[in-house]
Every structure is written in structure tokens, then in C-alpha cells.
């Protein structure tokens, strides 16, 4: 068993689930070095300094690590410089949860190269780079040259080939041990939207579809649950009022209540502009929900090809697909048979073993570990 330092500056939401899940399921000794999941911009800008201080304390308490696994919200080049006197020389893996180069901006946001360049410096500094999906990996490498083209001199393009060669796809693990598989969906079917309440998840389109079908008289109840990161999610609040007694659950739920809800969900929907993986969707599918998902982002990768036709809808057709599913739910439920089992490949039990195997290979290559 080797010692792994896992460094996560934003230990909340999916980032916390990743850090805690791997620490719990790995065969290695995983020491999590983290900050709370708030003020993400400050975590990105200043976290390398305070995380370096926390790392020094971890070295004093546990000894030097055999390998370091660092979240993409760390400016890795800065953190490595700040830890050089006490860290030793372990191999370093960068885990790309997301990147700021491919993140969709709301109308109120402006593009800024600061964070994408920090991502790029981290990629260069790492010994290996893990992306949570092939879609994420491909979109990053496709968008990166345009960022590098904006440099006034001393271009970095010559580093691209070596950087690509050290990248891998290593999915996020998902805690599925407590997720039930629903045998008999509720009548009327419960439609679940369980994503973060933010612009990139496209709540406007989801709410419009639900309200439109309710006004048509479609038979369904709905759960609007997820992390609210906005002060005024107006479109969601307005939809809640219009959907009225159809709303079976609303807001962020404790884990026990959320898992119970997963067991009741008949349909899971998304219209996300941005999805590099999709933990919430995997959870719902593992519980047996019928998917109504867009045919882009990471979803064609999450869903095996034999279910693509039944699970994925073309652009702009959320309301049409959801109407079809609700009008003949038993048929669509039958089309999704077997998909819940397929989602178990993302269980931490499986994914942690893959992480451990890759870590063992790196430790052997760099002569580290025990």
C-alpha cells in the first residue's frame, strides 16, 4: 500500500464526492488535503498557497507521499513550486474534472484567459493527466490551440504533442452502493431533474418543457432537486408555482432523502449545455429511470450505443421526446431495460480499482511506493 496525497481546493458537490469516494475505496492510503467548496475563483487563484501550507502539515503528520493526485482547480505549477522543499519528488497526476476553456458563459459573463491558462500550465506540469470523459478530453485538445494562438511571443504549441501523450480517460466514480433499483415506477410517473441549478445546465429549457406538458394535461409529477448556486433561480421558482401540486420534491436534499427519491424516479431529464461527465444522471439511470437526454456532451459516451436511440434526443426536441415517453411510458421503460445494470460500471468499487491500477503503474515507472 502506497501513500497518495489527494489535493482538492473546492471540496464540495461532485469534487467532494470524488475525493471522499476514492479515499474510501482505494487500496492505498489516501490523504485528502482540501479547502471547503466555496468561492471557487479564489480557490483557483489563491488555493495553491494555502494548500501548500496544508501539504507541509500533512507531510509532517504522515510522511512524504508516493504519488500526488491533484484536482484541476489547483494551479499545479504554483503549488509544486511552493511545496518543492518538503514534498519530495513523487509522480503527479492532474485530474480534469472540468476546464475553464470549454465552460459555457452566461450572457452576464465575459471570457477570460486567466483560468484556462492555469489549466494549461497544470497540464504541462503534471506527469499524467486524467480526464473524466473522452468528450472532455477531446474538447479540451480541440479548443486549446486557439488559446495558445493568442500568445504574443514564445509560443507553447511545441508542447502539445507531449502533453496529449500523457493524457488518459479515467471516469469519475459514483457512489451507487445505497442507490436502489426501482421495480415499479410510480403512477403517474415521476420526472426527475437533479442537476445543479446554474446556467450551464440549461434550466430554462427544462422548466419550459415541464410547464408546456403540464399545460397540455400530460400525466406526471416532478422533482426539481439539486444544488442551488444562484441567489435568484427565477425560472425554476416560476416553474414551481406553475407546476403546483405536481411538484413532489424541491431543492437540495440530504443524501438519505435523495437516494429514496432516486428509487421513485421514472424518468430523468437533461438539457445541459455543458456536461463533462454527469454524476447525477448516472445515479438516476442506475436506479432504473428512463433517460431523456440530449445527444451531445458526455451523454453518448455514458449511454452504451445499443440504447442511444431510446435515450438520446436531437437538439431542441426535449419537449417532444418527453411527451412521447409520458404518453407511452411502459414502452419506453421496456426500451431502457438493462441500462441500470450498465451504469454500475461507474460504481466506485470498479472505478477505484482502475485508479489504483494506473497509480501502481506510475509508481513502478517512477520507482516510488512500497
Protein backbone atom coordinates (compact mmCIF):
# COMPACT_ATOMS: atom_id res chain seq x y z
CA UNK A 1 0.00 0.00 0.00
CA UNK A 2 1.34 3.40 -1.02
CA UNK A 3 0.58 6.89 0.25
CA UNK A 4 -1.39 9.17 -2.06
CA UNK A 5 -1.97 12.85 -1.34
CA UNK A 6 -5.23 13.96 -2.97
CA UNK A 7 -5.33 17.75 -3.28
CA UNK A 8 -8.76 19.34 -3.79
CA UNK A 9 -9.24 23.11 -3.22
CA UNK A 10 -13.01 23.00 -3.76
CA UNK A 11 -14.25 20.13 -1.60
CA UNK A 12 -17.97 20.46 -2.27
CA UNK A 13 -20.51 18.86 -4.57
CA UNK A 14 -19.08 16.49 -7.17
CA UNK A 15 -15.50 17.41 -6.24
CA UNK A 16 -16.07 16.32 -2.64
CA UNK A 17 -17.79 13.13 -3.78
CA UNK A 18 -14.77 12.33 -5.95
CA UNK A 19 -12.22 12.96 -3.21
CA UNK A 20 -14.13 11.12 -0.50
CA UNK A 21 -15.16 8.28 -2.78
CA UNK A 22 -11.63 7.48 -3.88
CA UNK A 23 -10.27 7.82 -0.35
CA UNK A 24 -12.89 5.35 0.88
CA UNK A 25 -12.50 2.75 -1.87
CA UNK A 26 -8.80 2.84 -2.78
CA UNK A 27 -6.41 0.13 -1.65
CA UNK A 28 -3.87 2.88 -0.99
CA UNK A 29 -3.57 5.23 1.96
CA UNK A 30 -5.26 8.36 0.60
CA UNK A 31 -4.70 11.61 2.49
CA UNK A 32 -7.18 14.28 1.39
CA UNK A 33 -5.83 17.84 1.54
CA UNK A 34 -8.68 20.23 0.86
CA UNK A 35 -10.49 23.51 1.37
CA UNK A 36 -14.28 23.97 1.66
CA UNK A 37 -16.33 24.09 -1.54
CA UNK A 38 -16.96 27.83 -1.78
CA UNK A 39 -15.51 30.91 -3.54
CA UNK A 40 -14.25 28.88 -6.48
CA UNK A 41 -12.46 31.77 -8.16
CA UNK A 42 -10.47 32.49 -5.01
CA UNK A 43 -9.75 28.80 -4.58
CA UNK A 44 -8.30 28.76 -8.09
CA UNK A 45 -6.31 31.98 -7.66
CA UNK A 46 -5.10 31.58 -4.09
CA UNK A 47 -5.57 27.95 -3.19
CA UNK A 48 -2.08 26.87 -4.23
CA UNK A 49 -0.61 28.97 -1.40
CA UNK A 50 -2.79 27.71 1.44
CA UNK A 51 -2.89 24.16 0.10
CA UNK A 52 0.91 24.16 0.09
CA UNK A 53 0.82 25.08 3.78
CA UNK A 54 -1.67 22.28 4.43
CA UNK A 55 0.52 19.88 2.45
CA UNK A 56 3.53 20.67 4.62
CA UNK A 57 1.48 19.80 7.70
CA UNK A 58 0.37 16.55 6.04
CA UNK A 59 3.99 15.64 5.29
CA UNK A 60 4.89 16.28 8.93
CA UNK A 61 1.99 14.09 10.09
CA UNK A 62 2.01 11.25 7.55
CA UNK A 63 5.36 11.46 5.76
CA UNK A 64 6.06 12.27 2.13
CA UNK A 65 3.61 10.94 -0.46
CA UNK A 66 4.45 8.28 -3.02
CA UNK A 67 2.11 9.95 -5.53
CA UNK A 68 0.03 13.12 -5.69
CA UNK A 69 -3.43 13.32 -7.30
CA UNK A 70 -4.41 16.96 -7.84
CA UNK A 71 -7.75 18.46 -8.86
CA UNK A 72 -7.92 20.67 -11.95
CA UNK A 73 -8.97 23.63 -9.79
CA UNK A 74 -5.39 23.82 -8.49
CA UNK A 75 -2.76 25.90 -10.29
CA UNK A 76 -0.43 22.91 -10.19
CA UNK A 77 2.68 24.73 -11.37
CA UNK A 78 2.37 27.21 -8.50
CA UNK A 79 1.59 24.51 -5.94
CA UNK A 80 4.60 22.43 -7.00
CA UNK A 81 6.85 25.46 -6.66
CA UNK A 82 5.56 26.17 -3.17
CA UNK A 83 5.98 22.55 -1.99
CA UNK A 84 9.40 21.84 -3.52
CA UNK A 85 11.33 21.95 -0.23
CA UNK A 86 9.32 19.28 1.60
CA UNK A 87 7.22 17.26 -0.87
CA UNK A 88 9.93 15.01 -2.26
CA UNK A 89 9.72 14.01 -5.92
CA UNK A 90 6.54 11.92 -6.32
CA UNK A 91 4.78 11.45 -9.66
CA UNK A 92 1.93 13.92 -10.03
CA UNK A 93 -1.45 13.20 -11.66
CA UNK A 94 -3.77 16.04 -12.64
CA UNK A 95 -7.48 15.14 -12.57
CA UNK A 96 -9.51 17.21 -15.03
CA UNK A 97 -12.99 17.50 -13.52
CA UNK A 98 -13.65 20.38 -15.87
CA UNK A 99 -11.72 23.08 -17.65
CA UNK A 100 -12.45 26.77 -17.87
CA UNK A 101 -11.66 26.88 -21.58
CA UNK A 102 -14.77 24.92 -22.53
CA UNK A 103 -17.16 26.26 -19.92
CA UNK A 104 -20.25 27.97 -21.41
CA UNK A 105 -20.70 31.57 -20.34
CA UNK A 106 -23.98 33.18 -19.36
CA UNK A 107 -24.89 36.50 -21.03
CA UNK A 108 -23.58 38.30 -17.93
CA UNK A 109 -20.12 36.67 -18.10
CA UNK A 110 -17.07 37.63 -20.16
CA UNK A 111 -14.39 35.31 -21.49
CA UNK A 112 -11.09 35.45 -19.61
CA UNK A 113 -7.89 33.56 -20.38
CA UNK A 114 -6.65 33.54 -16.76
CA UNK A 115 -8.17 30.24 -15.67
CA UNK A 116 -7.74 28.35 -18.98
CA UNK A 117 -4.05 29.26 -18.94
CA UNK A 118 -3.81 27.99 -15.37
CA UNK A 119 -5.34 24.71 -16.58
CA UNK A 120 -2.76 24.57 -19.37
CA UNK A 121 0.17 25.21 -17.00
CA UNK A 122 -1.12 22.42 -14.79
CA UNK A 123 -1.33 20.03 -17.74
CA UNK A 124 2.28 20.82 -18.66
CA UNK A 125 3.46 20.38 -15.06
CA UNK A 126 1.77 17.01 -14.46
CA UNK A 127 3.31 13.61 -15.16
CA UNK A 128 -0.07 12.27 -16.22
CA UNK A 129 -3.43 13.93 -16.91
CA UNK A 130 -6.74 12.16 -16.32
CA UNK A 131 -9.93 13.39 -17.97
CA UNK A 132 -13.30 12.29 -16.62
CA UNK A 133 -14.63 11.53 -20.12
CA UNK A 134 -13.43 11.16 -23.69
CA UNK A 135 -15.71 14.05 -24.62
CA UNK A 136 -13.90 16.26 -22.12
CA UNK A 137 -10.51 15.11 -23.32
CA UNK A 138 -11.33 15.69 -26.99
CA UNK A 139 -12.99 19.07 -26.46
CA UNK A 140 -10.03 20.33 -24.42
CA UNK A 141 -7.45 19.43 -27.04
CA UNK A 142 -9.67 20.82 -29.81
CA UNK A 143 -10.10 24.21 -28.11
CA UNK A 144 -6.58 24.61 -26.72
CA UNK A 145 -4.71 25.72 -29.89
CA UNK A 146 -6.89 28.83 -30.20
CA UNK A 147 -5.96 29.80 -26.64
CA UNK A 148 -2.26 29.29 -27.33
CA UNK A 149 -2.54 31.27 -30.57
CA UNK A 150 -3.26 34.39 -28.51
CA UNK A 151 0.25 34.45 -27.02
CA UNK A 152 2.24 37.50 -28.23
CA UNK A 153 5.51 35.52 -28.43
CA UNK A 154 7.29 32.46 -27.01
CA UNK A 155 4.53 30.12 -28.23
CA UNK A 156 3.73 26.85 -26.47
CA UNK A 157 2.48 24.84 -29.43
CA UNK A 158 5.57 22.63 -29.46
CA UNK A 159 4.49 21.22 -26.09
CA UNK A 160 1.12 19.96 -27.33
CA UNK A 161 2.19 16.55 -28.61
CA UNK A 162 3.92 15.56 -25.37
CA UNK A 163 1.02 16.88 -23.30
CA UNK A 164 -1.52 14.88 -25.31
CA UNK A 165 0.56 11.72 -24.99
CA UNK A 166 0.32 11.76 -21.20
CA UNK A 167 -3.48 12.17 -21.06
CA UNK A 168 -5.91 9.37 -20.21
CA UNK A 169 -9.66 8.94 -19.71
CA UNK A 170 -10.46 7.90 -16.13
CA UNK A 171 -14.17 8.33 -15.29
CA UNK A 172 -15.45 9.72 -12.03
CA UNK A 173 -16.52 7.07 -9.57
CA UNK A 174 -20.12 7.27 -8.38
CA UNK A 175 -21.40 6.07 -5.00
CA UNK A 176 -24.05 3.55 -6.01
CA UNK A 177 -23.97 1.20 -3.03
CA UNK A 178 -27.06 2.79 -1.47
CA UNK A 179 -28.92 3.51 -4.72
CA UNK A 180 -31.96 1.22 -5.14
CA UNK A 181 -33.28 -0.07 -8.46
CA UNK A 182 -36.97 0.76 -8.78
CA UNK A 183 -39.14 -2.23 -9.73
CA UNK A 184 -42.48 -0.48 -10.18
CA UNK A 185 -42.36 3.23 -11.13
CA UNK A 186 -45.00 5.46 -9.59
CA UNK A 187 -48.22 6.27 -11.40
CA UNK A 188 -48.22 9.00 -12.56
CA UNK A 189 -44.53 8.75 -13.47
CA UNK A 190 -42.16 10.97 -11.52
CA UNK A 191 -39.94 13.11 -13.77
CA UNK A 192 -36.61 13.95 -12.13
CA UNK A 193 -34.36 16.93 -12.86
CA UNK A 194 -31.45 16.55 -10.47
CA UNK A 195 -28.71 18.83 -11.78
CA UNK A 196 -27.02 21.92 -10.40
CA UNK A 197 -29.24 25.00 -10.71
CA UNK A 198 -26.94 27.01 -12.92
CA UNK A 199 -26.76 28.41 -16.44
CA UNK A 200 -24.68 25.59 -17.92
CA UNK A 201 -27.38 23.03 -17.06
CA UNK A 202 -29.92 24.99 -19.14
CA UNK A 203 -32.76 25.13 -16.59
CA UNK A 204 -34.80 27.46 -18.82
CA UNK A 205 -35.36 24.75 -21.43
CA UNK A 206 -36.13 22.10 -18.81
CA UNK A 207 -38.65 24.30 -16.99
CA UNK A 208 -40.30 25.38 -20.26
CA UNK A 209 -40.73 21.75 -21.30
CA UNK A 210 -42.25 20.69 -17.98
CA UNK A 211 -44.66 23.62 -17.88
CA UNK A 212 -45.69 23.11 -21.51
CA UNK A 213 -46.51 19.44 -20.94
CA UNK A 214 -48.38 20.23 -17.74
CA UNK A 215 -50.49 22.76 -19.64
CA UNK A 216 -51.21 20.07 -22.26
CA UNK A 217 -52.54 17.86 -19.48
CA UNK A 218 -49.81 15.23 -19.51
CA UNK A 219 -49.86 12.93 -16.51
CA UNK A 220 -46.71 13.24 -14.39
CA UNK A 221 -45.27 14.53 -11.14
CA UNK A 222 -41.89 16.21 -10.94
CA UNK A 223 -38.88 16.52 -8.65
CA UNK A 224 -36.70 19.61 -9.08
CA UNK A 225 -33.73 18.81 -6.90
CA UNK A 226 -30.09 19.79 -6.95
CA UNK A 227 -27.56 22.26 -5.64
CA UNK A 228 -28.70 25.87 -5.98
CA UNK A 229 -25.69 28.08 -6.66
CA UNK A 230 -27.72 31.19 -7.56
CA UNK A 231 -29.38 33.83 -5.39
CA UNK A 232 -32.44 34.04 -7.60
CA UNK A 233 -33.19 30.99 -9.80
CA UNK A 234 -36.24 32.80 -11.14
CA UNK A 235 -37.16 30.41 -13.94
CA UNK A 236 -37.14 27.45 -11.53
CA UNK A 237 -39.20 29.27 -8.90
CA UNK A 238 -41.73 30.36 -11.53
CA UNK A 239 -41.98 26.81 -12.87
CA UNK A 240 -42.57 25.51 -9.35
CA UNK A 241 -45.53 27.86 -8.99
CA UNK A 242 -46.99 26.83 -12.34
CA UNK A 243 -46.46 23.11 -11.73
CA UNK A 244 -48.08 23.50 -8.29
CA UNK A 245 -49.13 20.18 -6.75
CA UNK A 246 -47.23 18.21 -9.39
CA UNK A 247 -44.02 19.09 -7.52
CA UNK A 248 -43.13 16.13 -5.32
CA UNK A 249 -39.69 17.39 -4.21
CA UNK A 250 -37.86 20.70 -4.50
CA UNK A 251 -34.40 21.98 -3.64
CA UNK A 252 -31.28 20.34 -2.29
CA UNK A 253 -31.96 17.10 -0.39
CA UNK A 254 -29.92 15.27 2.25
CA UNK A 255 -28.37 12.07 0.90
CA UNK A 256 -30.89 9.71 2.52
CA UNK A 257 -33.87 11.62 1.09
CA UNK A 258 -32.19 11.96 -2.29
CA UNK A 259 -31.49 8.23 -2.56
CA UNK A 260 -35.10 7.48 -1.63
CA UNK A 261 -36.22 9.84 -4.39
CA UNK A 262 -33.97 8.09 -6.92
CA UNK A 263 -35.83 4.88 -6.19
CA UNK A 264 -39.11 6.60 -7.08
CA UNK A 265 -37.99 8.39 -10.26
CA UNK A 266 -39.46 7.08 -13.52
CA UNK A 267 -37.75 9.50 -15.91
CA UNK A 268 -34.57 11.59 -15.68
CA UNK A 269 -34.22 14.61 -17.96
CA UNK A 270 -31.46 16.96 -19.02
CA UNK A 271 -30.96 19.78 -21.49
CA UNK A 272 -27.45 20.68 -20.31
CA UNK A 273 -25.25 22.98 -22.37
CA UNK A 274 -22.26 21.59 -20.52
CA UNK A 275 -21.65 18.12 -19.12
CA UNK A 276 -18.15 16.72 -18.93
CA UNK A 277 -19.38 13.63 -17.05
CA UNK A 278 -22.81 13.57 -15.39
CA UNK A 279 -22.86 12.06 -11.90
CA UNK A 280 -26.50 12.98 -11.25
CA UNK A 281 -27.64 11.32 -14.46
CA UNK A 282 -25.64 8.16 -13.72
CA UNK A 283 -27.25 7.96 -10.27
CA UNK A 284 -30.75 8.21 -11.73
CA UNK A 285 -30.07 5.71 -14.50
CA UNK A 286 -28.56 3.26 -12.02
CA UNK A 287 -31.85 3.47 -10.11
CA UNK A 288 -33.78 2.50 -13.24
CA UNK A 289 -35.02 5.86 -14.54
CA UNK A 290 -35.83 6.18 -18.24
CA UNK A 291 -33.37 8.67 -19.79
CA UNK A 292 -34.43 11.73 -21.78
CA UNK A 293 -31.02 13.23 -22.56
CA UNK A 294 -29.54 15.41 -25.32
CA UNK A 295 -27.44 13.62 -27.94
CA UNK A 296 -24.30 15.62 -27.18
CA UNK A 297 -21.79 16.46 -24.43
CA UNK A 298 -20.80 13.34 -22.46
CA UNK A 299 -24.17 11.60 -22.75
CA UNK A 300 -23.47 9.48 -25.88
CA UNK A 301 -20.43 8.20 -24.00
CA UNK A 302 -22.27 7.42 -20.76
CA UNK A 303 -25.02 5.57 -22.63
CA UNK A 304 -23.90 2.41 -24.50
CA UNK A 305 -24.68 2.58 -28.22
CA UNK A 306 -27.47 0.00 -28.13
CA UNK A 307 -29.54 2.43 -26.01
CA UNK A 308 -28.74 5.63 -27.93
CA UNK A 309 -31.96 5.70 -29.92
CA UNK A 310 -34.10 5.20 -26.83
CA UNK A 311 -32.14 7.50 -24.52
CA UNK A 312 -30.92 10.47 -26.57
CA UNK A 313 -32.95 13.15 -28.31
CA UNK A 314 -31.83 15.52 -31.13
CA UNK A 315 -31.16 19.21 -30.42
CA UNK A 316 -34.22 21.20 -29.42
CA UNK A 317 -36.50 18.18 -29.04
CA UNK A 318 -36.70 17.78 -25.26
CA UNK A 319 -40.41 18.54 -25.02
CA UNK A 320 -41.23 16.26 -27.98
CA UNK A 321 -39.28 13.31 -26.57
CA UNK A 322 -40.62 13.77 -23.05
CA UNK A 323 -44.17 13.92 -24.42
CA UNK A 324 -43.62 10.58 -26.20
CA UNK A 325 -42.17 8.96 -23.10
CA UNK A 326 -45.00 10.11 -20.84
CA UNK A 327 -47.70 9.12 -23.35
CA UNK A 328 -46.43 5.51 -23.55
CA UNK A 329 -44.23 5.09 -20.51
CA UNK A 330 -44.34 1.29 -20.37
CA UNK A 331 -42.88 1.00 -23.89
CA UNK A 332 -40.05 3.43 -23.17
CA UNK A 333 -39.38 1.73 -19.86
CA UNK A 334 -39.01 -1.54 -21.72
CA UNK A 335 -36.60 0.06 -24.20
CA UNK A 336 -34.36 1.03 -21.28
CA UNK A 337 -34.16 -2.45 -19.76
CA UNK A 338 -30.60 -3.36 -18.84
CA UNK A 339 -29.34 0.22 -18.74
CA UNK A 340 -29.44 0.41 -14.94
CA UNK A 341 -27.03 -2.52 -14.73
CA UNK A 342 -24.70 -0.91 -17.28
CA UNK A 343 -24.39 2.17 -15.07
CA UNK A 344 -22.85 0.04 -12.34
CA UNK A 345 -19.58 0.19 -14.29
CA UNK A 346 -19.20 3.68 -12.79
CA UNK A 347 -19.51 2.40 -9.22
CA UNK A 348 -16.56 3.36 -7.04
CA UNK A 349 -15.90 -0.32 -6.44
CA UNK A 350 -14.94 -0.66 -10.12
CA UNK A 351 -13.51 2.80 -10.76
CA UNK A 352 -11.25 2.86 -7.69
CA UNK A 353 -9.69 -0.41 -8.83
CA UNK A 354 -8.91 1.21 -12.19
CA UNK A 355 -7.40 4.25 -10.46
CA UNK A 356 -5.31 2.01 -8.23
CA UNK A 357 -4.03 0.02 -11.19
CA UNK A 358 -2.99 3.17 -13.04
CA UNK A 359 -1.36 4.52 -9.89
CA UNK A 360 0.55 1.28 -9.41
CA UNK A 361 1.87 1.53 -12.97
CA UNK A 362 3.05 5.08 -12.34
CA UNK A 363 4.71 4.14 -9.07
CA UNK A 364 6.57 1.34 -10.83
CA UNK A 365 7.63 3.66 -13.66
CA UNK A 366 8.94 6.31 -11.29
CA UNK A 367 10.37 3.91 -8.71
CA UNK A 368 8.07 5.02 -5.91
CA UNK A 369 5.84 3.28 -3.39
CA UNK A 370 6.11 0.17 -1.28
